[in-house]
């Protein structure tokens, strides 16, 4: 499975679950890691759009396929909100 990671106008293709970035996201499934890093995982277009609408800045956006992502969310991610 390949992912596209978008961080403030920089897109990176990630194809390995052994990538350190993916490992750090996987670690966020543990409450202790979420507390320590003050980060969380938001899944789905609707949740991410709601967060952006309420002024929450997404640090990173991971999508499996560019064509499956909500165009508004993708535009917001590319423009750094």
PDB file of N, CA and C in Angstrom:
ATOM      1  N   UNK A   1       0.839  -1.163   0.000  1.00  0.00           N
ATOM      2  CA  UNK A   1       0.000   0.000   0.000  1.00  0.00           C
ATOM      3  C   UNK A   1       0.894   1.239   0.000  1.00  0.00           C
ATOM      4  N   UNK A   2       0.550   2.210  -0.824  1.00  0.00           N
ATOM      5  CA  UNK A   2       1.329   3.435  -0.881  1.00  0.00           C
ATOM      6  C   UNK A   2       0.486   4.584  -0.354  1.00  0.00           C
ATOM      7  N   UNK A   3       1.153   5.527   0.291  1.00  0.00           N
ATOM      8  CA  UNK A   3       0.482   6.699   0.832  1.00  0.00           C
ATOM      9  C   UNK A   3       1.133   7.948   0.280  1.00  0.00           C
ATOM     10  N   UNK A   4       0.367   8.992   0.229  1.00  0.00           N
ATOM     11  CA  UNK A   4       0.870  10.302  -0.126  1.00  0.00           C
ATOM     12  C   UNK A   4       0.755  11.145   1.124  1.00  0.00           C
ATOM     13  N   UNK A   5       1.867  11.713   1.579  1.00  0.00           N
ATOM     14  CA  UNK A   5       1.867  12.551   2.776  1.00  0.00           C
ATOM     15  C   UNK A   5       2.001  13.997   2.331  1.00  0.00           C
ATOM     16  N   UNK A   6       1.126  14.848   2.813  1.00  0.00           N
ATOM     17  CA  UNK A   6       1.158  16.261   2.453  1.00  0.00           C
ATOM     18  C   UNK A   6       1.481  17.064   3.706  1.00  0.00           C
ATOM     19  N   UNK A   7       2.554  17.832   3.634  1.00  0.00           N
ATOM     20  CA  UNK A   7       2.951  18.732   4.722  1.00  0.00           C
ATOM     21  C   UNK A   7       3.263  20.084   4.120  1.00  0.00           C
ATOM     22  N   UNK A   8       2.395  21.050   4.324  1.00  0.00           N
ATOM     23  CA  UNK A   8       2.633  22.423   3.867  1.00  0.00           C
ATOM     24  C   UNK A   8       3.286  22.495   2.486  1.00  0.00           C
ATOM     25  N   UNK A   9       2.556  22.127   1.489  1.00  0.00           N
ATOM     26  CA  UNK A   9       2.965  22.186   0.085  1.00  0.00           C
ATOM     27  C   UNK A   9       4.065  21.217  -0.296  1.00  0.00           C
ATOM     28  N   UNK A  10       4.484  20.339   0.583  1.00  0.00           N
ATOM     29  CA  UNK A  10       5.489  19.339   0.246  1.00  0.00           C
ATOM     30  C   UNK A  10       4.825  17.967   0.287  1.00  0.00           C
ATOM     31  N   UNK A  11       4.832  17.281  -0.841  1.00  0.00           N
ATOM     32  CA  UNK A  11       4.225  15.962  -0.890  1.00  0.00           C
ATOM     33  C   UNK A  11       5.306  14.899  -0.933  1.00  0.00           C
ATOM     34  N   UNK A  12       5.103  13.853  -0.158  1.00  0.00           N
ATOM     35  CA  UNK A  12       6.048  12.750  -0.113  1.00  0.00           C
ATOM     36  C   UNK A  12       5.286  11.456  -0.344  1.00  0.00           C
ATOM     37  N   UNK A  13       5.818  10.598  -1.188  1.00  0.00           N
ATOM     38  CA  UNK A  13       5.237   9.276  -1.388  1.00  0.00           C
ATOM     39  C   UNK A  13       5.902   8.322  -0.401  1.00  0.00           C
ATOM     40  N   UNK A  14       5.082   7.619   0.348  1.00  0.00           N
ATOM     41  CA  UNK A  14       5.580   6.661   1.337  1.00  0.00           C
ATOM     42  C   UNK A  14       5.035   5.291   0.962  1.00  0.00           C
ATOM     43  N   UNK A  15       5.927   4.338   0.800  1.00  0.00           N
ATOM     44  CA  UNK A  15       5.475   3.015   0.371  1.00  0.00           C
ATOM     45  C   UNK A  15       5.821   1.909   1.358  1.00  0.00           C
ATOM     46  N   UNK A  16       6.402   2.260   2.487  1.00  0.00           N
ATOM     47  CA  UNK A  16       6.810   1.237   3.446  1.00  0.00           C
ATOM     48  C   UNK A  16       6.241   1.529   4.825  1.00  0.00           C
ATOM     49  N   UNK A  17       5.698   0.502   5.458  1.00  0.00           N
ATOM     50  CA  UNK A  17       5.211   0.690   6.828  1.00  0.00           C
ATOM     51  C   UNK A  17       6.369   0.789   7.813  1.00  0.00           C
ATOM     52  N   UNK A  18       7.575   0.560   7.333  1.00  0.00           N
ATOM     53  CA  UNK A  18       8.750   0.668   8.189  1.00  0.00           C
ATOM     54  C   UNK A  18       9.328   2.084   8.189  1.00  0.00           C
ATOM     55  N   UNK A  19       8.707   2.976   7.431  1.00  0.00           N
ATOM     56  CA  UNK A  19       9.123   4.376   7.389  1.00  0.00           C
ATOM     57  C   UNK A  19       8.937   4.984   8.781  1.00  0.00           C
ATOM     58  N   UNK A  20       9.921   5.752   9.269  1.00  0.00           N
ATOM     59  CA  UNK A  20       9.808   6.345  10.613  1.00  0.00           C
ATOM     60  C   UNK A  20       8.573   7.226  10.798  1.00  0.00           C
ATOM     61  N   UNK A  21       8.148   7.886   9.747  1.00  0.00           N
ATOM     62  CA  UNK A  21       6.950   8.734   9.834  1.00  0.00           C
ATOM     63  C   UNK A  21       5.719   7.863  10.090  1.00  0.00           C
ATOM     64  N   UNK A  22       5.608   6.777   9.370  1.00  0.00           N
ATOM     65  CA  UNK A  22       4.474   5.865   9.550  1.00  0.00           C
ATOM     66  C   UNK A  22       4.532   5.228  10.935  1.00  0.00           C
ATOM     67  N   UNK A  23       5.712   4.874  11.377  1.00  0.00           N
ATOM     68  CA  UNK A  23       5.851   4.288  12.725  1.00  0.00           C
ATOM     69  C   UNK A  23       5.396   5.267  13.812  1.00  0.00           C
ATOM     70  N   UNK A  24       5.701   6.561  13.622  1.00  0.00           N
ATOM     71  CA  UNK A  24       5.276   7.545  14.627  1.00  0.00           C
ATOM     72  C   UNK A  24       3.756   7.703  14.639  1.00  0.00           C
ATOM     73  N   UNK A  25       3.126   7.588  13.481  1.00  0.00           N
ATOM     74  CA  UNK A  25       1.666   7.656  13.415  1.00  0.00           C
ATOM     75  C   UNK A  25       1.058   6.411  14.055  1.00  0.00           C
ATOM     76  N   UNK A  26       1.615   5.259  13.769  1.00  0.00           N
ATOM     77  CA  UNK A  26       1.131   4.013  14.375  1.00  0.00           C
ATOM     78  C   UNK A  26       1.227   4.079  15.898  1.00  0.00           C
ATOM     79  N   UNK A  27       2.299   4.705  16.399  1.00  0.00           N
ATOM     80  CA  UNK A  27       2.482   4.829  17.849  1.00  0.00           C
ATOM     81  C   UNK A  27       1.369   5.658  18.490  1.00  0.00           C
ATOM     82  N   UNK A  28       0.709   6.524  17.711  1.00  0.00           N
ATOM     83  CA  UNK A  28      -0.363   7.356  18.248  1.00  0.00           C
ATOM     84  C   UNK A  28      -1.634   6.566  18.559  1.00  0.00           C
ATOM     85  N   UNK A  29      -1.663   5.311  18.201  1.00  0.00           N
ATOM     86  CA  UNK A  29      -2.801   4.469  18.585  1.00  0.00           C
ATOM     87  C   UNK A  29      -2.768   4.165  20.087  1.00  0.00           C
ATOM     88  N   UNK A  30      -1.635   4.383  20.718  1.00  0.00           N
ATOM     89  CA  UNK A  30      -1.465   4.164  22.155  1.00  0.00           C
ATOM     90  C   UNK A  30      -1.693   5.495  22.886  1.00  0.00           C
ATOM     91  N   UNK A  31      -2.595   5.490  23.851  1.00  0.00           N
ATOM     92  CA  UNK A  31      -2.941   6.717  24.587  1.00  0.00           C
ATOM     93  C   UNK A  31      -1.718   7.383  25.220  1.00  0.00           C
ATOM     94  N   UNK A  32      -0.793   6.579  25.715  1.00  0.00           N
ATOM     95  CA  UNK A  32       0.405   7.139  26.344  1.00  0.00           C
ATOM     96  C   UNK A  32       1.218   7.974  25.340  1.00  0.00           C
ATOM     97  N   UNK A  33       1.327   7.496  24.121  1.00  0.00           N
ATOM     98  CA  UNK A  33       2.059   8.245  23.092  1.00  0.00           C
ATOM     99  C   UNK A  33       1.308   9.498  22.662  1.00  0.00           C
ATOM    100  N   UNK A  34      -0.025   9.422  22.607  1.00  0.00           N
ATOM    101  CA  UNK A  34      -0.804  10.615  22.265  1.00  0.00           C
ATOM    102  C   UNK A  34      -0.624  11.689  23.325  1.00  0.00           C
ATOM    103  N   UNK A  35      -0.612  11.291  24.582  1.00  0.00           N
ATOM    104  CA  UNK A  35      -0.424  12.243  25.679  1.00  0.00           C
ATOM    105  C   UNK A  35       0.975  12.833  25.643  1.00  0.00           C
ATOM    106  N   UNK A  36       1.970  11.995  25.431  1.00  0.00           N
ATOM    107  CA  UNK A  36       3.367  12.456  25.430  1.00  0.00           C
ATOM    108  C   UNK A  36       3.649  13.422  24.278  1.00  0.00           C
ATOM    109  N   UNK A  37       3.049  13.171  23.117  1.00  0.00           N
ATOM    110  CA  UNK A  37       3.329  14.009  21.949  1.00  0.00           C
ATOM    111  C   UNK A  37       2.312  15.124  21.757  1.00  0.00           C
ATOM    112  N   UNK A  38       1.212  15.081  22.511  1.00  0.00           N
ATOM    113  CA  UNK A  38       0.116  16.039  22.362  1.00  0.00           C
ATOM    114  C   UNK A  38      -0.407  16.042  20.927  1.00  0.00           C
ATOM    115  N   UNK A  39      -0.515  14.844  20.354  1.00  0.00           N
ATOM    116  CA  UNK A  39      -1.016  14.682  18.994  1.00  0.00           C
ATOM    117  C   UNK A  39      -2.108  13.626  18.987  1.00  0.00           C
ATOM    118  N   UNK A  40      -2.903  13.626  17.928  1.00  0.00           N
ATOM    119  CA  UNK A  40      -3.935  12.608  17.784  1.00  0.00           C
ATOM    120  C   UNK A  40      -4.064  12.246  16.311  1.00  0.00           C
ATOM    121  N   UNK A  41      -4.861  11.253  16.037  1.00  0.00           N
ATOM    122  CA  UNK A  41      -5.136  10.838  14.674  1.00  0.00           C
ATOM    123  C   UNK A  41      -6.588  11.179  14.375  1.00  0.00           C
ATOM    124  N   UNK A  42      -6.814  11.885  13.280  1.00  0.00           N
ATOM    125  CA  UNK A  42      -8.164  12.187  12.813  1.00  0.00           C
ATOM    126  C   UNK A  42      -8.340  11.451  11.497  1.00  0.00           C
ATOM    127  N   UNK A  43      -9.330  10.593  11.426  1.00  0.00           N
ATOM    128  CA  UNK A  43      -9.524   9.784  10.229  1.00  0.00           C
ATOM    129  C   UNK A  43     -10.778  10.198   9.487  1.00  0.00           C
ATOM    130  N   UNK A  44     -10.649  10.386   8.199  1.00  0.00           N
ATOM    131  CA  UNK A  44     -11.790  10.671   7.335  1.00  0.00           C
ATOM    132  C   UNK A  44     -11.870  12.121   6.907  1.00  0.00           C
ATOM    133  N   UNK A  45     -12.405  12.309   5.709  1.00  0.00           N
ATOM    134  CA  UNK A  45     -12.540  13.657   5.147  1.00  0.00           C
ATOM    135  C   UNK A  45     -13.394  14.558   6.037  1.00  0.00           C
ATOM    136  N   UNK A  46     -14.521  14.045   6.502  1.00  0.00           N
ATOM    137  CA  UNK A  46     -15.448  14.865   7.284  1.00  0.00           C
ATOM    138  C   UNK A  46     -14.804  15.348   8.580  1.00  0.00           C
ATOM    139  N   UNK A  47     -14.123  14.469   9.276  1.00  0.00           N
ATOM    140  CA  UNK A  47     -13.469  14.842  10.541  1.00  0.00           C
ATOM    141  C   UNK A  47     -12.382  15.878  10.288  1.00  0.00           C
ATOM    142  N   UNK A  48     -11.553  15.645   9.294  1.00  0.00           N
ATOM    143  CA  UNK A  48     -10.464  16.586   8.995  1.00  0.00           C
ATOM    144  C   UNK A  48     -11.005  17.933   8.551  1.00  0.00           C
ATOM    145  N   UNK A  49     -12.053  17.944   7.719  1.00  0.00           N
ATOM    146  CA  UNK A  49     -12.663  19.211   7.291  1.00  0.00           C
ATOM    147  C   UNK A  49     -13.234  19.969   8.483  1.00  0.00           C
ATOM    148  N   UNK A  50     -13.882  19.264   9.396  1.00  0.00           N
ATOM    149  CA  UNK A  50     -14.438  19.904  10.591  1.00  0.00           C
ATOM    150  C   UNK A  50     -13.334  20.526  11.436  1.00  0.00           C
ATOM    151  N   UNK A  51     -12.223  19.810  11.578  1.00  0.00           N
ATOM    152  CA  UNK A  51     -11.106  20.344  12.354  1.00  0.00           C
ATOM    153  C   UNK A  51     -10.561  21.622  11.720  1.00  0.00           C
ATOM    154  N   UNK A  52     -10.406  21.623  10.407  1.00  0.00           N
ATOM    155  CA  UNK A  52      -9.914  22.814   9.703  1.00  0.00           C
ATOM    156  C   UNK A  52     -10.892  23.970   9.853  1.00  0.00           C
ATOM    157  N   UNK A  53     -12.198  23.688   9.712  1.00  0.00           N
ATOM    158  CA  UNK A  53     -13.218  24.725   9.860  1.00  0.00           C
ATOM    159  C   UNK A  53     -13.182  25.365  11.238  1.00  0.00           C
ATOM    160  N   UNK A  54     -12.762  24.613  12.254  1.00  0.00           N
ATOM    161  CA  UNK A  54     -12.702  25.134  13.613  1.00  0.00           C
ATOM    162  C   UNK A  54     -11.314  25.653  13.986  1.00  0.00           C
ATOM    163  N   UNK A  55     -10.464  25.833  13.001  1.00  0.00           N
ATOM    164  CA  UNK A  55      -9.169  26.464  13.232  1.00  0.00           C
ATOM    165  C   UNK A  55      -8.063  25.548  13.716  1.00  0.00           C
ATOM    166  N   UNK A  56      -8.291  24.260  13.685  1.00  0.00           N
ATOM    167  CA  UNK A  56      -7.252  23.317  14.102  1.00  0.00           C
ATOM    168  C   UNK A  56      -6.348  23.052  12.904  1.00  0.00           C
ATOM    169  N   UNK A  57      -5.063  23.204  13.095  1.00  0.00           N
ATOM    170  CA  UNK A  57      -4.107  23.018  12.014  1.00  0.00           C
ATOM    171  C   UNK A  57      -3.651  21.567  11.986  1.00  0.00           C
ATOM    172  N   UNK A  58      -3.822  20.944  10.826  1.00  0.00           N
ATOM    173  CA  UNK A  58      -3.370  19.565  10.657  1.00  0.00           C
ATOM    174  C   UNK A  58      -1.870  19.583  10.397  1.00  0.00           C
ATOM    175  N   UNK A  59      -1.142  18.805  11.161  1.00  0.00           N
ATOM    176  CA  UNK A  59       0.314  18.749  10.981  1.00  0.00           C
ATOM    177  C   UNK A  59       0.683  18.006   9.713  1.00  0.00           C
ATOM    178  N   UNK A  60       0.006  16.913   9.461  1.00  0.00           N
ATOM    179  CA  UNK A  60       0.253  16.098   8.275  1.00  0.00           C
ATOM    180  C   UNK A  60      -1.061  15.497   7.816  1.00  0.00           C
ATOM    181  N   UNK A  61      -1.134  15.243   6.530  1.00  0.00           N
ATOM    182  CA  UNK A  61      -2.303  14.602   5.954  1.00  0.00           C
ATOM    183  C   UNK A  61      -1.816  13.414   5.146  1.00  0.00           C
ATOM    184  N   UNK A  62      -2.327  12.254   5.437  1.00  0.00           N
ATOM    185  CA  UNK A  62      -1.959  11.033   4.724  1.00  0.00           C
ATOM    186  C   UNK A  62      -3.159  10.562   3.929  1.00  0.00           C
ATOM    187  N   UNK A  63      -2.974  10.357   2.648  1.00  0.00           N
ATOM    188  CA  UNK A  63      -4.055   9.833   1.826  1.00  0.00           C
ATOM    189  C   UNK A  63      -3.539   8.644   1.030  1.00  0.00           C
ATOM    190  N   UNK A  64      -4.425   7.696   0.828  1.00  0.00           N
ATOM    191  CA  UNK A  64      -4.037   6.481   0.117  1.00  0.00           C
ATOM    192  C   UNK A  64      -4.012   6.713  -1.386  1.00  0.00           C
ATOM    193  N   UNK A  65      -4.946   7.528  -1.874  1.00  0.00           N
ATOM    194  CA  UNK A  65      -5.057   7.762  -3.303  1.00  0.00           C
ATOM    195  C   UNK A  65      -5.569   9.188  -3.500  1.00  0.00           C
ATOM    196  N   UNK A  66      -4.816   9.994  -4.245  1.00  0.00           N
ATOM    197  CA  UNK A  66      -5.145  11.400  -4.454  1.00  0.00           C
ATOM    198  C   UNK A  66      -6.581  11.591  -4.949  1.00  0.00           C
ATOM    199  N   UNK A  67      -7.085  10.686  -5.766  1.00  0.00           N
ATOM    200  CA  UNK A  67      -8.420  10.831  -6.333  1.00  0.00           C
ATOM    201  C   UNK A  67      -9.529  10.539  -5.322  1.00  0.00           C
ATOM    202  N   UNK A  68      -9.203   9.889  -4.213  1.00  0.00           N
ATOM    203  CA  UNK A  68     -10.219   9.524  -3.222  1.00  0.00           C
ATOM    204  C   UNK A  68     -10.359  10.559  -2.116  1.00  0.00           C
ATOM    205  N   UNK A  69      -9.524  11.566  -2.105  1.00  0.00           N
ATOM    206  CA  UNK A  69      -9.551  12.579  -1.045  1.00  0.00           C
ATOM    207  C   UNK A  69     -10.479  13.720  -1.439  1.00  0.00           C
ATOM    208  N   UNK A  70     -11.215  14.240  -0.493  1.00  0.00           N
ATOM    209  CA  UNK A  70     -12.088  15.381  -0.695  1.00  0.00           C
ATOM    210  C   UNK A  70     -11.267  16.550  -1.242  1.00  0.00           C
ATOM    211  N   UNK A  71     -11.714  17.161  -2.329  1.00  0.00           N
ATOM    212  CA  UNK A  71     -10.935  18.219  -2.982  1.00  0.00           C
ATOM    213  C   UNK A  71     -10.733  19.439  -2.091  1.00  0.00           C
ATOM    214  N   UNK A  72     -11.713  19.773  -1.253  1.00  0.00           N
ATOM    215  CA  UNK A  72     -11.578  20.907  -0.339  1.00  0.00           C
ATOM    216  C   UNK A  72     -10.494  20.636   0.693  1.00  0.00           C
ATOM    217  N   UNK A  73     -10.491  19.431   1.230  1.00  0.00           N
ATOM    218  CA  UNK A  73      -9.481  19.048   2.216  1.00  0.00           C
ATOM    219  C   UNK A  73      -8.097  19.047   1.590  1.00  0.00           C
ATOM    220  N   UNK A  74      -7.977  18.523   0.400  1.00  0.00           N
ATOM    221  CA  UNK A  74      -6.699  18.474  -0.293  1.00  0.00           C
ATOM    222  C   UNK A  74      -6.188  19.882  -0.574  1.00  0.00           C
ATOM    223  N   UNK A  75      -7.066  20.785  -0.992  1.00  0.00           N
ATOM    224  CA  UNK A  75      -6.672  22.168  -1.259  1.00  0.00           C
ATOM    225  C   UNK A  75      -6.214  22.864   0.020  1.00  0.00           C
ATOM    226  N   UNK A  76      -6.911  22.616   1.123  1.00  0.00           N
ATOM    227  CA  UNK A  76      -6.530  23.220   2.402  1.00  0.00           C
ATOM    228  C   UNK A  76      -5.167  22.716   2.848  1.00  0.00           C
ATOM    229  N   UNK A  77      -4.918  21.444   2.676  1.00  0.00           N
ATOM    230  CA  UNK A  77      -3.643  20.878   3.075  1.00  0.00           C
ATOM    231  C   UNK A  77      -2.497  21.425   2.238  1.00  0.00           C
ATOM    232  N   UNK A  78      -2.738  21.570   0.954  1.00  0.00           N
ATOM    233  CA  UNK A  78      -1.691  22.074   0.063  1.00  0.00           C
ATOM    234  C   UNK A  78      -1.377  23.530   0.315  1.00  0.00           C
ATOM    235  N   UNK A  79      -2.319  24.294   0.826  1.00  0.00           N
ATOM    236  CA  UNK A  79      -2.082  25.724   1.035  1.00  0.00           C
ATOM    237  C   UNK A  79      -1.649  26.057   2.456  1.00  0.00           C
ATOM    238  N   UNK A  80      -1.403  25.037   3.259  1.00  0.00           N
ATOM    239  CA  UNK A  80      -0.998  25.235   4.671  1.00  0.00           C
ATOM    240  C   UNK A  80      -2.034  25.993   5.470  1.00  0.00           C
ATOM    241  N   UNK A  81      -3.269  25.832   5.095  1.00  0.00           N
ATOM    242  CA  UNK A  81      -4.404  26.402   5.829  1.00  0.00           C
ATOM    243  C   UNK A  81      -4.328  27.895   5.892  1.00  0.00           C
TER     244      UNK A  81
END
